[in-house]
Protein backbone atom coordinates (compact mmCIF):
# COMPACT_ATOMS: atom_id res chain seq x y z
CA MET A 1 0.00 0.00 0.00
CA THR A 2 1.39 3.42 -0.98
CA LYS A 3 1.54 6.28 1.52
CA LEU A 4 -1.28 8.08 -0.29
CA GLU A 5 -3.45 4.96 -0.07
CA SER A 6 -2.62 4.70 3.64
CA ILE A 7 -3.67 8.33 4.20
CA ILE A 8 -6.95 7.73 2.32
CA SER A 9 -7.53 4.73 4.58
CA LEU A 10 -6.59 6.77 7.66
CA ILE A 11 -9.19 9.46 6.95
CA ARG A 12 -11.76 6.88 5.73
CA LEU A 13 -12.48 8.48 2.37
CA ASP A 14 -13.19 4.93 1.24
CA LYS A 15 -15.87 4.67 3.96
CA PRO A 16 -17.95 7.88 3.74
CA ILE A 17 -20.69 6.87 6.22
CA GLY A 18 -19.22 9.18 8.86
CA ILE A 19 -19.36 12.13 6.46
CA TYR A 20 -23.05 11.51 5.86
CA LEU A 21 -23.83 11.24 9.57
CA VAL A 22 -22.15 14.61 10.20
CA LEU A 23 -23.77 16.18 7.14
CA TRP A 24 -27.44 15.22 7.59
CA PRO A 25 -28.07 17.32 10.74
CA ALA A 26 -26.29 20.27 9.12
CA LEU A 27 -28.59 20.01 6.10
CA TRP A 28 -31.68 19.63 8.31
CA SER A 29 -30.63 22.85 10.02
CA LEU A 30 -29.91 24.75 6.81
CA PHE A 31 -33.31 23.97 5.31
CA LEU A 32 -35.19 24.68 8.55
CA SER A 33 -33.42 27.97 9.22
CA ALA A 34 -33.79 29.11 5.60
CA ASP A 35 -37.49 28.11 5.71
CA GLY A 36 -36.99 26.36 2.41
CA LEU A 37 -34.11 26.22 -0.04
CA PRO A 38 -30.87 27.62 1.45
CA ASP A 39 -28.15 29.31 -0.57
CA ILE A 40 -26.36 26.66 -2.65
CA LYS A 41 -23.05 28.18 -1.50
CA LEU A 42 -23.92 27.31 2.11
CA ILE A 43 -24.84 23.76 1.14
CA LEU A 44 -21.49 23.30 -0.60
CA ILE A 45 -19.59 24.81 2.35
CA PHE A 46 -21.21 22.39 4.79
CA ILE A 47 -20.65 19.40 2.50
CA ALA A 48 -16.96 20.30 2.28
CA GLY A 49 -16.80 21.06 6.00
CA ALA A 50 -18.37 17.73 6.95
CA THR A 51 -15.86 15.93 4.74
CA LEU A 52 -12.84 17.78 6.13
CA MET A 53 -13.78 17.59 9.81
CA ARG A 54 -14.87 13.98 9.72
CA SER A 55 -11.58 13.11 7.99
CA ALA A 56 -9.63 15.05 10.62
CA GLY A 57 -11.61 13.28 13.33
CA CYS A 58 -10.65 9.89 11.90
CA ALA A 59 -6.96 10.82 11.91
CA ILE A 60 -7.21 11.99 15.53
CA ASN A 61 -9.18 8.88 16.49
CA ASP A 62 -6.62 6.52 14.96
CA TYR A 63 -3.78 8.40 16.66
CA ALA A 64 -5.54 8.02 20.02
CA ASP A 65 -6.44 4.37 19.41
CA ARG A 66 -3.27 3.20 17.63
CA LYS A 67 -2.42 0.66 20.36
CA ILE A 68 -6.01 -0.36 21.07
CA ASP A 69 -6.76 -0.96 17.37
CA ARG A 70 -4.17 -3.73 17.22
CA SER A 71 -6.24 -5.79 19.66
CA VAL A 72 -9.58 -5.48 17.82
CA PRO A 73 -10.05 -7.56 14.63
CA ARG A 74 -12.25 -4.91 12.95
CA THR A 75 -9.65 -2.16 13.41
CA SER A 76 -6.38 -4.11 13.33
CA HIS A 77 -5.89 -3.31 9.62
CA ARG A 78 -5.82 0.47 10.13
CA PRO A 79 -2.62 2.18 8.87
CA LEU A 80 -1.33 3.29 12.28
CA ALA A 81 -2.07 -0.10 13.85
CA LEU A 82 -0.14 -1.81 11.04
CA GLY A 83 2.73 0.67 11.17
CA GLN A 84 2.09 1.86 7.60
CA LEU A 85 1.97 5.44 8.89
CA ALA A 86 3.85 7.04 11.78
CA LYS A 87 2.23 8.96 14.63
CA LYS A 88 3.50 12.23 13.20
CA ASP A 89 1.82 11.45 9.87
CA ALA A 90 -1.58 11.31 11.56
CA ILE A 91 -0.91 14.56 13.42
CA ILE A 92 0.21 16.34 10.24
CA VAL A 93 -2.79 15.09 8.26
CA ALA A 94 -5.20 16.12 11.02
CA GLY A 95 -3.53 19.53 11.29
CA ILE A 96 -3.81 20.19 7.55
CA LEU A 97 -7.47 19.14 7.49
CA ILE A 98 -8.30 21.32 10.51
CA PHE A 99 -6.54 24.29 8.90
CA LEU A 100 -8.52 23.80 5.67
CA SER A 101 -11.72 23.56 7.73
CA PHE A 102 -10.86 26.86 9.41
CA LEU A 103 -10.30 28.55 6.04
CA LEU A 104 -13.67 27.20 4.91
CA ALA A 105 -15.39 28.46 8.06
CA LEU A 106 -14.15 31.98 7.34
CA ASN A 107 -16.77 32.11 4.58
CA LEU A 108 -19.50 31.93 7.24
CA PRO A 109 -20.93 34.61 9.56
CA LEU A 110 -19.08 35.33 12.82
CA LEU A 111 -21.45 33.31 15.03
CA SER A 112 -20.97 30.24 12.85
CA ILE A 113 -17.20 30.68 13.04
CA LEU A 114 -17.38 30.94 16.84
CA TRP A 115 -19.38 27.70 17.04
CA SER A 116 -16.67 25.96 15.03
CA VAL A 117 -14.36 26.28 18.06
CA PRO A 118 -16.31 23.93 20.39
CA ALA A 119 -16.88 21.68 17.37
CA LEU A 120 -13.12 21.31 17.04
CA VAL A 121 -12.64 20.83 20.79
CA PHE A 122 -15.17 17.98 20.95
CA ALA A 123 -13.74 16.38 17.79
CA ILE A 124 -10.29 16.32 19.40
CA ILE A 125 -11.27 15.09 22.86
CA TYR A 126 -13.87 12.48 21.82
CA PRO A 127 -11.37 9.68 21.01
CA PHE A 128 -9.73 10.07 24.41
CA THR A 129 -13.02 9.92 26.37
CA LYS A 130 -13.12 6.15 25.83
CA ARG A 131 -10.52 5.90 28.59
CA PHE A 132 -12.43 7.66 31.36
CA PHE A 133 -16.09 8.37 30.46
CA ALA A 134 -18.75 5.66 30.65
CA VAL A 135 -20.68 6.88 27.59
CA PRO A 136 -18.16 8.45 25.18
CA GLN A 137 -20.90 8.42 22.54
CA LEU A 138 -22.27 11.53 24.28
CA PHE A 139 -19.11 13.42 23.28
CA LEU A 140 -19.43 12.11 19.73
CA GLY A 141 -23.02 13.37 19.65
CA LEU A 142 -21.96 16.79 20.91
CA ALA A 143 -19.18 16.95 18.31
CA PHE A 144 -21.57 16.12 15.47
CA ALA A 145 -24.31 18.40 16.83
CA MET A 146 -22.07 21.49 16.70
CA ALA A 147 -22.89 21.63 12.98
CA VAL A 148 -26.48 22.52 13.94
CA PRO A 149 -25.90 26.00 15.43
CA MET A 150 -23.25 26.64 12.79
CA ALA A 151 -25.83 26.00 10.07
CA PHE A 152 -28.64 27.92 11.78
CA PHE A 153 -26.48 31.02 12.23
CA ALA A 154 -25.10 30.68 8.69
CA THR A 155 -28.45 31.57 7.11
CA GLU A 156 -28.78 34.72 9.28
CA ASN A 157 -32.57 34.33 9.36
CA ASN A 158 -33.06 34.89 13.11
CA SER A 159 -34.53 31.42 13.52
CA SER A 160 -36.12 30.29 16.77
CA PHE A 161 -33.57 29.35 19.43
CA LEU A 162 -35.90 26.59 20.63
CA VAL A 163 -36.03 25.04 17.15
CA MET A 164 -32.24 25.13 16.93
CA PHE A 165 -31.90 23.59 20.40
CA LEU A 166 -34.35 20.80 19.57
CA VAL A 167 -32.48 19.90 16.38
CA PHE A 168 -29.26 19.97 18.42
CA LEU A 169 -30.78 17.55 20.95
CA ALA A 170 -32.18 15.34 18.19
CA THR A 171 -28.69 15.06 16.71
CA VAL A 172 -27.08 14.16 20.06
CA PHE A 173 -29.75 11.52 20.82
CA TRP A 174 -29.48 10.09 17.32
CA ALA A 175 -25.68 9.84 17.52
CA ILE A 176 -25.85 8.01 20.86
CA ALA A 177 -28.35 5.57 19.34
CA TYR A 178 -26.43 4.71 16.19
CA ASP A 179 -22.99 4.72 17.77
CA THR A 180 -24.21 2.34 20.48
CA LEU A 181 -25.07 -0.07 17.66
CA TYR A 182 -21.55 0.46 16.31
CA ALA A 183 -20.03 -0.12 19.75
CA MET A 184 -22.00 -3.34 20.18
CA ALA A 185 -19.91 -4.87 17.38
CA ASP A 186 -16.72 -4.36 19.40
CA LYS A 187 -18.15 -4.94 22.87
CA PRO A 188 -16.29 -8.19 23.75
CA TYR A 189 -12.95 -6.69 22.71
CA ASP A 190 -13.61 -3.35 24.43
CA ILE A 191 -14.32 -5.18 27.69
CA LYS A 192 -11.09 -7.17 27.31
CA ILE A 193 -8.90 -4.11 26.71
CA LYS A 194 -10.84 -2.00 29.24
CA VAL A 195 -12.18 0.64 26.86
CA LYS A 196 -15.49 2.27 27.78
CA SER A 197 -18.57 2.50 25.55
CA SER A 198 -22.32 2.97 25.81
CA ALA A 199 -22.79 -0.66 24.71
CA ILE A 200 -20.89 -1.80 27.81
CA PHE A 201 -22.52 0.75 30.11
CA PHE A 202 -26.08 -0.16 29.03
CA GLY A 203 -25.31 -3.87 29.38
CA LYS A 204 -28.13 -6.24 28.50
CA TYR A 205 -30.45 -3.26 28.03
CA ASP A 206 -28.40 -1.91 25.12
CA LEU A 207 -31.15 -2.30 22.51
CA PHE A 208 -33.71 -0.75 24.85
CA PHE A 209 -31.52 2.33 25.13
CA VAL A 210 -30.90 2.40 21.38
CA LEU A 211 -34.67 2.49 20.89
CA SER A 212 -35.10 5.08 23.65
CA PHE A 213 -32.54 7.49 22.19
CA HIS A 214 -34.02 7.06 18.72
CA PHE A 215 -37.44 7.91 20.18
CA LEU A 216 -36.06 10.97 21.95
CA SER A 217 -34.54 12.12 18.67
CA LEU A 218 -37.79 11.64 16.77
CA PHE A 219 -39.81 13.33 19.52
CA SER A 220 -37.50 16.36 19.37
CA LEU A 221 -37.91 16.53 15.60
CA ALA A 222 -41.69 16.16 15.85
CA PHE A 223 -41.73 19.12 18.24
CA VAL A 224 -39.72 21.05 15.64
CA GLY A 225 -42.43 20.21 13.13
CA VAL A 226 -45.06 21.73 15.41
CA LEU A 227 -43.06 24.90 16.04
CA GLN A 228 -42.23 25.34 12.34
CA GLN A 229 -45.80 24.48 11.30
CA LEU A 230 -44.64 21.80 8.90
CA ASN A 231 -47.34 20.06 6.89
CA ILE A 232 -48.76 16.59 7.51
CA CYS A 233 -46.29 14.97 5.10
CA PHE A 234 -43.50 15.65 7.60
CA TYR A 235 -45.16 13.45 10.21
CA ILE A 236 -46.02 10.73 7.69
CA ILE A 237 -42.37 10.48 6.66
CA LEU A 238 -41.26 10.52 10.32
CA SER A 239 -43.48 7.48 10.87
CA MET A 240 -41.53 5.77 8.07
CA VAL A 241 -38.35 6.62 9.98
CA LEU A 242 -39.81 4.80 12.98
CA ILE A 243 -40.24 1.68 10.86
CA GLY A 244 -36.57 1.97 9.90
CA ILE A 245 -35.60 2.18 13.56
CA LEU A 246 -37.50 -1.02 14.33
CA TYR A 247 -35.68 -2.65 11.41
CA GLN A 248 -32.35 -1.66 12.99
CA LEU A 249 -33.37 -3.34 16.24
CA TYR A 250 -34.39 -6.44 14.31
CA LEU A 251 -30.98 -6.55 12.61
CA ALA A 252 -29.12 -6.18 15.90
CA LYS A 253 -31.33 -8.47 17.99
CA ASN A 254 -28.72 -11.25 18.21
CA ARG A 255 -25.92 -8.73 18.82
CA GLU A 256 -23.71 -10.24 16.14
CA PRO A 257 -20.96 -7.82 15.00
CA ALA A 258 -21.84 -7.95 11.29
CA THR A 259 -25.54 -7.25 11.82
CA CYS A 260 -24.85 -4.52 14.39
CA ILE A 261 -22.66 -2.76 11.82
CA LYS A 262 -25.38 -3.23 9.21
CA ALA A 263 -27.90 -1.64 11.59
CA PHE A 264 -25.49 1.24 12.19
CA LEU A 265 -25.04 1.82 8.45
CA PHE A 266 -28.81 1.96 7.98
CA ASN A 267 -28.77 5.30 9.80
CA ASN A 268 -27.54 6.97 6.63
CA TYR A 269 -30.96 6.29 5.10
CA GLN A 270 -32.60 7.55 8.27
CA GLY A 271 -30.78 10.89 8.05
CA ALA A 272 -31.69 11.25 4.37
CA LEU A 273 -35.34 10.43 5.07
CA ILE A 274 -35.52 13.05 7.81
CA LEU A 275 -34.10 15.63 5.40
CA ALA A 276 -36.76 14.65 2.86
CA ALA A 277 -39.41 14.99 5.59
CA ILE A 278 -38.21 18.52 6.39
CA ILE A 279 -38.02 19.65 2.76
CA ILE A 280 -41.47 18.28 1.90
CA GLY A 281 -42.88 19.45 5.23
CA LEU A 282 -41.85 23.04 4.46
CA ILE A 283 -44.02 23.13 1.33
CA LYS A 284 -46.97 25.41 2.02
């Protein structure tokens, strides 16, 4: 494997699911705050920003987990774990991506730029929370949710603070739900190497909590629909999202790693469906 191929693997450009999961809440927020179609320039900025920051987050994560990854079959092939890249390579790559993200953020209003600071802080500290915090997925949710206020303030439409807060909460709850499914795939290995995760913390009630956090996310979004006076189609599509959530639980019911990952990946469709619900719901 060439160094370029190793860097692509490090930042997971070959596995874009993380980009989508960062991007969907940002797009929800852009369309809600613009009360319809946002400026195409803003959409492109947030697509690029999601790509850059998620890639930087992967480099930071692999730097933090370089020793742990060697002990987990699913992650043992990562470039740092295999020694294909040095520690300094990951730091340099992350630094370049963060710098490019900062340059991109300069195209946004001041409040959006200011919100990019805690977004960066949470992206950096999240990988290290697995050592000391029982539910590190909360930090992941907060990192991903920082795109919400950035997007709301980017449109400069003086949107409702409550609507923004509810979308923020929905994003945090959703991230805890889907990343718990992801953590369930590695649970036996995480216990062995003494790494913390929500899947371990929730124990045998893991799927109950996955369902609960999904419900909290949907409830928050339904409340947004009421406040924004979205049409009936919004709620019809949200009910379809609920069916998708039940399908995720069905996939993960035996807690087998492959099916837990499949359930996790299904959340990409969930994010897209929620965006469709918002866009159609805004039609008057």
